[in-house]
Amino acid sequence: FTLVIGGVHSFTLTVSKPGREAATATTDIIVLPGKVLPVEIAPLSTRKVNANEFIKLTAKASAGASYTWTVSGSTAPNFRVLASGPVWLLAAESLHSGATYRIECKAQLGSSSGAARMEIVTNSAPASGVCSVSPSEGSAALTKFVLGCSGWLDDDLPLTYSWDRVAGSLVPSSCSLDASAMAQSGVSRVPLTSPSLNTDTSSLLPPASSPTSKHLLCGCVQDVYG
């Protein structure tokens, strides 16, 4: 086939396996007039990335080339590029979860230029489920609490389930606070159980540090991307 000068040509590779969701990877080639500088972006090691983690992409062109990166898609309010060059580093929380982005890298060396594009998909957290603790009150080191999660849905199976605990005299009312916010409140979140494929488990709670101490138990549900 013939690549038309000035056009954008998309190439998609689809890998499928019986009983599993098909995985695809797409790259675009932009055909420019004149001398074309070959550019390529190294593929990611996973089909999806987590928006709450750093995203690192590496491009390759001729030595001495300059690089310009752009993102197509709605970015998060705290979008930040930490490094730009042959290695492009995007700060955590720069993209929205559950979205698709097209990344373009243009390289220039003298009168020669070229570009490469790749598509990245950000992971969505499991949704629609609940986690519960029974009984709601008990004695540390004596009462065995039953911890259960149900109804969680996600495309990227299997799901794993674990529990954390927050202990102190003034525990927060919700597990949604991040680690820094909890530290400012004088409490910390520590693992209670290890990740497991089982939706239900049971556990004793360690002795309280004072008579007024309380425990907040937080269920954690993760897909294969964490």
C-alpha atoms as a PDB file:
ATOM      1  CA  PHE A   1       0.000   0.000   0.000  1.00  0.00           C
ATOM      2  CA  THR A   2       1.005   3.631  -0.416  1.00  0.00           C
ATOM      3  CA  LEU A   3       1.232   6.209   2.363  1.00  0.00           C
ATOM      4  CA  VAL A   4      -0.150   9.562   1.273  1.00  0.00           C
ATOM      5  CA  ILE A   5       1.980  12.621   2.047  1.00  0.00           C
ATOM      6  CA  GLY A   6       0.235  14.854   4.570  1.00  0.00           C
ATOM      7  CA  GLY A   7      -2.038  12.097   5.802  1.00  0.00           C
ATOM      8  CA  VAL A   8      -2.321  10.360   9.159  1.00  0.00           C
ATOM      9  CA  HIS A   9      -2.335   6.560   8.927  1.00  0.00           C
ATOM     10  CA  SER A  10      -3.511   4.452  11.862  1.00  0.00           C
ATOM     11  CA  PHE A  11      -2.239   0.911  12.404  1.00  0.00           C
ATOM     12  CA  THR A  12      -3.963  -1.325  14.967  1.00  0.00           C
ATOM     13  CA  LEU A  13      -2.743  -4.666  16.294  1.00  0.00           C
ATOM     14  CA  THR A  14      -5.357  -6.896  17.953  1.00  0.00           C
ATOM     15  CA  VAL A  15      -4.373  -9.878  20.096  1.00  0.00           C
ATOM     16  CA  SER A  16      -7.143 -12.231  21.197  1.00  0.00           C
ATOM     17  CA  LYS A  17      -7.447 -15.458  23.125  1.00  0.00           C
ATOM     18  CA  PRO A  18     -10.569 -17.617  23.527  1.00  0.00           C
ATOM     19  CA  GLY A  19     -12.458 -16.658  26.662  1.00  0.00           C
ATOM     20  CA  ARG A  20     -10.467 -13.465  27.252  1.00  0.00           C
ATOM     21  CA  GLU A  21     -11.003  -9.834  26.327  1.00  0.00           C
ATOM     22  CA  ALA A  22      -9.093  -8.838  23.195  1.00  0.00           C
ATOM     23  CA  ALA A  23      -6.208  -6.392  23.662  1.00  0.00           C
ATOM     24  CA  THR A  24      -5.389  -3.770  21.065  1.00  0.00           C
ATOM     25  CA  ALA A  25      -2.544  -1.344  20.480  1.00  0.00           C
ATOM     26  CA  THR A  26      -2.790   1.543  18.042  1.00  0.00           C
ATOM     27  CA  THR A  27      -0.105   3.784  16.590  1.00  0.00           C
ATOM     28  CA  ASP A  28      -0.358   6.546  14.004  1.00  0.00           C
ATOM     29  CA  ILE A  29       2.143   7.497  11.349  1.00  0.00           C
ATOM     30  CA  ILE A  30       2.099  11.038  10.022  1.00  0.00           C
ATOM     31  CA  VAL A  31       3.550  11.332   6.529  1.00  0.00           C
ATOM     32  CA  LEU A  32       5.366  14.619   6.022  1.00  0.00           C
ATOM     33  CA  PRO A  33       6.902  16.024   2.834  1.00  0.00           C
ATOM     34  CA  GLY A  34      10.657  16.268   2.482  1.00  0.00           C
ATOM     35  CA  LYS A  35      13.100  14.453   4.690  1.00  0.00           C
ATOM     36  CA  VAL A  36      11.314  12.256   7.196  1.00  0.00           C
ATOM     37  CA  LEU A  37      12.920  11.651  10.565  1.00  0.00           C
ATOM     38  CA  PRO A  38      12.018   8.183  11.858  1.00  0.00           C
ATOM     39  CA  VAL A  39      10.415   8.406  15.314  1.00  0.00           C
ATOM     40  CA  GLU A  40       9.066   5.644  17.509  1.00  0.00           C
ATOM     41  CA  ILE A  41       7.547   5.495  20.987  1.00  0.00           C
ATOM     42  CA  ALA A  42       8.360   2.425  23.069  1.00  0.00           C
ATOM     43  CA  PRO A  43       5.183   0.465  23.870  1.00  0.00           C
ATOM     44  CA  LEU A  44       3.881   0.260  27.424  1.00  0.00           C
ATOM     45  CA  SER A  45       4.282  -2.982  29.332  1.00  0.00           C
ATOM     46  CA  THR A  46       0.552  -3.113  30.231  1.00  0.00           C
ATOM     47  CA  ARG A  47      -2.679  -2.556  28.303  1.00  0.00           C
ATOM     48  CA  LYS A  48      -3.850   0.093  30.782  1.00  0.00           C
ATOM     49  CA  VAL A  49      -2.191   2.548  33.161  1.00  0.00           C
ATOM     50  CA  ASN A  50      -3.384   3.887  36.507  1.00  0.00           C
ATOM     51  CA  ALA A  51      -4.085   7.614  36.559  1.00  0.00           C
ATOM     52  CA  ASN A  52      -2.806   7.869  40.145  1.00  0.00           C
ATOM     53  CA  GLU A  53       0.696   6.752  39.110  1.00  0.00           C
ATOM     54  CA  PHE A  54       3.505   8.378  37.155  1.00  0.00           C
ATOM     55  CA  ILE A  55       3.354   7.742  33.407  1.00  0.00           C
ATOM     56  CA  LYS A  56       6.659   7.410  31.579  1.00  0.00           C
ATOM     57  CA  LEU A  57       7.025   7.236  27.799  1.00  0.00           C
ATOM     58  CA  THR A  58      10.259   6.978  25.834  1.00  0.00           C
ATOM     59  CA  ALA A  59      10.706   8.104  22.233  1.00  0.00           C
ATOM     60  CA  LYS A  60      13.585   7.339  19.903  1.00  0.00           C
ATOM     61  CA  ALA A  61      14.844   9.345  16.953  1.00  0.00           C
ATOM     62  CA  SER A  62      18.264  10.349  15.624  1.00  0.00           C
ATOM     63  CA  ALA A  63      20.859  11.658  18.072  1.00  0.00           C
ATOM     64  CA  GLY A  64      20.569  15.399  18.615  1.00  0.00           C
ATOM     65  CA  ALA A  65      16.871  15.615  17.761  1.00  0.00           C
ATOM     66  CA  SER A  66      14.526  17.843  19.781  1.00  0.00           C
ATOM     67  CA  TYR A  67      11.206  16.465  21.009  1.00  0.00           C
ATOM     68  CA  THR A  68       7.735  17.956  21.498  1.00  0.00           C
ATOM     69  CA  TRP A  69       4.959  15.981  23.196  1.00  0.00           C
ATOM     70  CA  THR A  70       1.208  16.664  23.088  1.00  0.00           C
ATOM     71  CA  VAL A  71      -1.828  14.989  24.639  1.00  0.00           C
ATOM     72  CA  SER A  72      -5.234  14.700  22.970  1.00  0.00           C
ATOM     73  CA  GLY A  73      -8.053  14.245  25.472  1.00  0.00           C
ATOM     74  CA  SER A  74      -9.460  15.885  28.590  1.00  0.00           C
ATOM     75  CA  THR A  75      -6.722  16.174  31.211  1.00  0.00           C
ATOM     76  CA  ALA A  76      -7.135  16.523  34.969  1.00  0.00           C
ATOM     77  CA  PRO A  77      -6.944  19.995  36.622  1.00  0.00           C
ATOM     78  CA  ASN A  78      -3.534  19.186  38.153  1.00  0.00           C
ATOM     79  CA  PHE A  79      -1.967  18.103  34.831  1.00  0.00           C
ATOM     80  CA  ARG A  80       1.836  18.355  35.150  1.00  0.00           C
ATOM     81  CA  VAL A  81       4.688  17.315  32.870  1.00  0.00           C
ATOM     82  CA  LEU A  82       7.756  16.552  34.983  1.00  0.00           C
ATOM     83  CA  ALA A  83      10.193  15.866  32.148  1.00  0.00           C
ATOM     84  CA  SER A  84      10.070  16.403  28.408  1.00  0.00           C
ATOM     85  CA  GLY A  85      12.607  15.210  25.862  1.00  0.00           C
ATOM     86  CA  PRO A  86      13.224  11.695  24.595  1.00  0.00           C
ATOM     87  CA  VAL A  87      11.823  10.621  27.990  1.00  0.00           C
ATOM     88  CA  TRP A  88       8.408  12.116  28.804  1.00  0.00           C
ATOM     89  CA  LEU A  89       7.302  11.893  32.441  1.00  0.00           C
ATOM     90  CA  LEU A  90       3.766  12.777  33.470  1.00  0.00           C
ATOM     91  CA  ALA A  91       2.896  13.402  37.123  1.00  0.00           C
ATOM     92  CA  ALA A  92       0.382  11.204  38.914  1.00  0.00           C
ATOM     93  CA  GLU A  93      -3.246  12.407  38.803  1.00  0.00           C
ATOM     94  CA  SER A  94      -2.628  14.258  35.521  1.00  0.00           C
ATOM     95  CA  LEU A  95      -5.173  12.168  33.595  1.00  0.00           C
ATOM     96  CA  HIS A  96      -8.724  11.071  34.328  1.00  0.00           C
ATOM     97  CA  SER A  97      -9.498   7.441  35.153  1.00  0.00           C
ATOM     98  CA  GLY A  98     -11.409   5.385  32.612  1.00  0.00           C
ATOM     99  CA  ALA A  99     -10.380   7.528  29.625  1.00  0.00           C
ATOM    100  CA  THR A 100      -8.481   7.095  26.361  1.00  0.00           C
ATOM    101  CA  TYR A 101      -5.705   9.466  25.340  1.00  0.00           C
ATOM    102  CA  ARG A 102      -3.653   9.863  22.186  1.00  0.00           C
ATOM    103  CA  ILE A 103      -0.067  10.910  22.797  1.00  0.00           C
ATOM    104  CA  GLU A 104       1.959  12.454  19.982  1.00  0.00           C
ATOM    105  CA  CYS A 105       5.721  12.939  19.926  1.00  0.00           C
ATOM    106  CA  LYS A 106       7.231  15.162  17.227  1.00  0.00           C
ATOM    107  CA  ALA A 107      10.986  15.131  16.620  1.00  0.00           C
ATOM    108  CA  GLN A 108      13.008  17.714  14.743  1.00  0.00           C
ATOM    109  CA  LEU A 109      16.609  17.529  13.542  1.00  0.00           C
ATOM    110  CA  GLY A 110      17.647  20.335  11.208  1.00  0.00           C
ATOM    111  CA  SER A 111      15.293  20.297   8.225  1.00  0.00           C
ATOM    112  CA  SER A 112      14.135  16.749   8.958  1.00  0.00           C
ATOM    113  CA  SER A 113      11.109  16.056  11.122  1.00  0.00           C
ATOM    114  CA  GLY A 114       8.876  13.168  12.020  1.00  0.00           C
ATOM    115  CA  ALA A 115       6.221  12.149  14.499  1.00  0.00           C
ATOM    116  CA  ALA A 116       4.753   9.109  16.206  1.00  0.00           C
ATOM    117  CA  ARG A 117       1.556   8.626  18.133  1.00  0.00           C
ATOM    118  CA  MET A 118       0.310   6.077  20.598  1.00  0.00           C
ATOM    119  CA  GLU A 119      -2.905   5.501  22.495  1.00  0.00           C
ATOM    120  CA  ILE A 120      -3.042   4.929  26.244  1.00  0.00           C
ATOM    121  CA  VAL A 121      -6.055   3.857  28.271  1.00  0.00           C
ATOM    122  CA  THR A 122      -6.355   4.727  31.952  1.00  0.00           C
ATOM    123  CA  ASN A 123      -7.769   2.152  34.319  1.00  0.00           C
ATOM    124  CA  SER A 124     -11.099   2.500  36.128  1.00  0.00           C
ATOM    125  CA  ALA A 125     -11.472   1.393  39.732  1.00  0.00           C
ATOM    126  CA  PRO A 126     -13.915  -1.410  40.591  1.00  0.00           C
ATOM    127  CA  ALA A 127     -17.396  -0.008  41.159  1.00  0.00           C
ATOM    128  CA  SER A 128     -20.950  -0.701  42.353  1.00  0.00           C
ATOM    129  CA  GLY A 129     -20.038  -2.897  45.329  1.00  0.00           C
ATOM    130  CA  VAL A 130     -20.169  -2.661  49.114  1.00  0.00           C
ATOM    131  CA  CYS A 131     -17.954  -3.771  52.000  1.00  0.00           C
ATOM    132  CA  SER A 132     -19.269  -4.507  55.471  1.00  0.00           C
ATOM    133  CA  VAL A 133     -18.100  -5.484  58.956  1.00  0.00           C
ATOM    134  CA  SER A 134     -19.980  -7.668  61.429  1.00  0.00           C
ATOM    135  CA  PRO A 135     -20.430  -7.124  64.313  1.00  0.00           C
ATOM    136  CA  SER A 136     -20.089  -3.336  64.330  1.00  0.00           C
ATOM    137  CA  GLU A 137     -18.773  -3.342  67.905  1.00  0.00           C
ATOM    138  CA  GLY A 138     -16.574  -5.711  69.874  1.00  0.00           C
ATOM    139  CA  SER A 139     -13.486  -6.155  71.990  1.00  0.00           C
ATOM    140  CA  ALA A 140      -9.963  -6.018  70.612  1.00  0.00           C
ATOM    141  CA  ALA A 141      -8.098  -9.360  70.654  1.00  0.00           C
ATOM    142  CA  LEU A 142     -11.350 -11.141  71.629  1.00  0.00           C
ATOM    143  CA  THR A 143     -14.055 -10.488  69.040  1.00  0.00           C
ATOM    144  CA  LYS A 144     -13.599 -12.086  65.632  1.00  0.00           C
ATOM    145  CA  PHE A 145     -14.931  -9.640  63.057  1.00  0.00           C
ATOM    146  CA  VAL A 146     -16.321 -10.924  59.759  1.00  0.00           C
ATOM    147  CA  LEU A 147     -15.180  -8.724  56.856  1.00  0.00           C
ATOM    148  CA  GLY A 148     -16.977  -9.039  53.542  1.00  0.00           C
ATOM    149  CA  CYS A 149     -17.246  -7.378  50.127  1.00  0.00           C
ATOM    150  CA  SER A 150     -19.856  -8.058  47.452  1.00  0.00           C
ATOM    151  CA  GLY A 151     -21.212  -6.753  44.166  1.00  0.00           C
ATOM    152  CA  TRP A 152     -17.992  -5.225  42.825  1.00  0.00           C
ATOM    153  CA  LEU A 153     -17.741  -4.963  39.021  1.00  0.00           C
ATOM    154  CA  ASP A 154     -14.712  -4.413  36.799  1.00  0.00           C
ATOM    155  CA  ASP A 155     -13.547  -5.373  33.305  1.00  0.00           C
ATOM    156  CA  ASP A 156     -10.058  -6.387  34.407  1.00  0.00           C
ATOM    157  CA  LEU A 157     -10.434  -9.540  36.482  1.00  0.00           C
ATOM    158  CA  PRO A 158      -9.635 -11.119  38.839  1.00  0.00           C
ATOM    159  CA  LEU A 159     -10.400  -8.782  41.717  1.00  0.00           C
ATOM    160  CA  THR A 160      -8.515  -9.003  44.989  1.00  0.00           C
ATOM    161  CA  TYR A 161      -9.821  -7.995  48.408  1.00  0.00           C
ATOM    162  CA  SER A 162      -7.949  -6.746  51.453  1.00  0.00           C
ATOM    163  CA  TRP A 163      -8.612  -4.711  54.589  1.00  0.00           C
ATOM    164  CA  ASP A 164      -6.800  -1.863  56.312  1.00  0.00           C
ATOM    165  CA  ARG A 165      -7.383  -0.420  59.757  1.00  0.00           C
ATOM    166  CA  VAL A 166      -7.136   3.095  61.136  1.00  0.00           C
ATOM    167  CA  ALA A 167      -6.782   3.317  64.916  1.00  0.00           C
ATOM    168  CA  GLY A 168      -6.756   6.210  67.363  1.00  0.00           C
ATOM    169  CA  SER A 169      -8.881   8.305  69.674  1.00  0.00           C
ATOM    170  CA  LEU A 170     -10.126  10.514  66.821  1.00  0.00           C
ATOM    171  CA  VAL A 171     -10.449   8.269  63.770  1.00  0.00           C
ATOM    172  CA  PRO A 172     -11.920   9.819  60.584  1.00  0.00           C
ATOM    173  CA  SER A 173     -15.507   9.012  59.670  1.00  0.00           C
ATOM    174  CA  SER A 174     -14.530   7.844  56.176  1.00  0.00           C
ATOM    175  CA  CYS A 175     -11.809   5.750  54.517  1.00  0.00           C
ATOM    176  CA  SER A 176     -11.587   8.224  51.633  1.00  0.00           C
ATOM    177  CA  LEU A 177      -8.927  10.407  53.291  1.00  0.00           C
ATOM    178  CA  ASP A 178      -5.451   9.961  51.815  1.00  0.00           C
ATOM    179  CA  ALA A 179      -2.387   9.082  53.888  1.00  0.00           C
ATOM    180  CA  SER A 180      -1.206  12.695  54.313  1.00  0.00           C
ATOM    181  CA  ALA A 181      -4.624  13.857  55.533  1.00  0.00           C
ATOM    182  CA  MET A 182      -4.741  11.011  58.036  1.00  0.00           C
ATOM    183  CA  ALA A 183      -1.236  11.845  59.241  1.00  0.00           C
ATOM    184  CA  GLN A 184      -2.345  15.426  59.894  1.00  0.00           C
ATOM    185  CA  SER A 185      -5.171  14.004  62.006  1.00  0.00           C
ATOM    186  CA  GLY A 186      -2.658  11.995  64.052  1.00  0.00           C
ATOM    187  CA  VAL A 187      -3.691   8.576  62.751  1.00  0.00           C
ATOM    188  CA  SER A 188      -2.293   6.176  60.165  1.00  0.00           C
ATOM    189  CA  ARG A 189      -3.738   3.499  57.902  1.00  0.00           C
ATOM    190  CA  VAL A 190      -2.049   0.100  58.174  1.00  0.00           C
ATOM    191  CA  PRO A 191      -2.798  -3.275  56.526  1.00  0.00           C
ATOM    192  CA  LEU A 192      -5.015  -5.673  58.461  1.00  0.00           C
ATOM    193  CA  THR A 193      -5.265  -8.510  55.917  1.00  0.00           C
ATOM    194  CA  SER A 194      -3.294  -9.440  52.799  1.00  0.00           C
ATOM    195  CA  PRO A 195      -4.848  -9.205  49.294  1.00  0.00           C
ATOM    196  CA  SER A 196      -6.905 -12.314  48.519  1.00  0.00           C
ATOM    197  CA  LEU A 197      -9.320 -13.600  45.882  1.00  0.00           C
ATOM    198  CA  ASN A 198     -11.776 -14.402  48.684  1.00  0.00           C
ATOM    199  CA  THR A 199     -14.531 -11.836  49.157  1.00  0.00           C
ATOM    200  CA  ASP A 200     -14.975 -12.704  52.839  1.00  0.00           C
ATOM    201  CA  THR A 201     -12.542 -13.151  55.703  1.00  0.00           C
ATOM    202  CA  SER A 202     -12.399 -12.760  59.467  1.00  0.00           C
ATOM    203  CA  SER A 203      -9.904 -11.134  61.779  1.00  0.00           C
ATOM    204  CA  LEU A 204      -9.188 -10.152  65.348  1.00  0.00           C
ATOM    205  CA  LEU A 205      -8.194  -6.564  66.034  1.00  0.00           C
ATOM    206  CA  PRO A 206      -5.003  -5.809  67.994  1.00  0.00           C
ATOM    207  CA  PRO A 207      -5.359  -4.323  71.494  1.00  0.00           C
ATOM    208  CA  ALA A 208      -6.199  -0.628  71.600  1.00  0.00           C
ATOM    209  CA  SER A 209      -3.476   1.839  72.593  1.00  0.00           C
ATOM    210  CA  SER A 210      -5.835   3.534  75.069  1.00  0.00           C
ATOM    211  CA  PRO A 211      -9.324   2.967  76.528  1.00  0.00           C
ATOM    212  CA  THR A 212     -10.760   5.598  74.175  1.00  0.00           C
ATOM    213  CA  SER A 213      -9.176   4.228  71.000  1.00  0.00           C
ATOM    214  CA  LYS A 214     -11.393   3.190  68.118  1.00  0.00           C
ATOM    215  CA  HIS A 215     -10.824   1.269  64.882  1.00  0.00           C
ATOM    216  CA  LEU A 216     -11.979   2.261  61.401  1.00  0.00           C
ATOM    217  CA  LEU A 217     -11.886  -0.720  59.029  1.00  0.00           C
ATOM    218  CA  CYS A 218     -11.483  -0.030  55.296  1.00  0.00           C
ATOM    219  CA  GLY A 219     -12.155  -2.579  52.559  1.00  0.00           C
ATOM    220  CA  CYS A 220      -9.841  -2.392  49.516  1.00  0.00           C
ATOM    221  CA  VAL A 221     -10.919  -3.850  46.171  1.00  0.00           C
ATOM    222  CA  GLN A 222      -8.409  -3.896  43.287  1.00  0.00           C
ATOM    223  CA  ASP A 223      -8.358  -5.211  39.735  1.00  0.00           C
ATOM    224  CA  VAL A 224      -5.319  -6.702  37.981  1.00  0.00           C
ATOM    225  CA  TYR A 225      -3.823  -3.225  37.520  1.00  0.00           C
ATOM    226  CA  GLY A 226      -3.928  -2.417  41.238  1.00  0.00           C
END
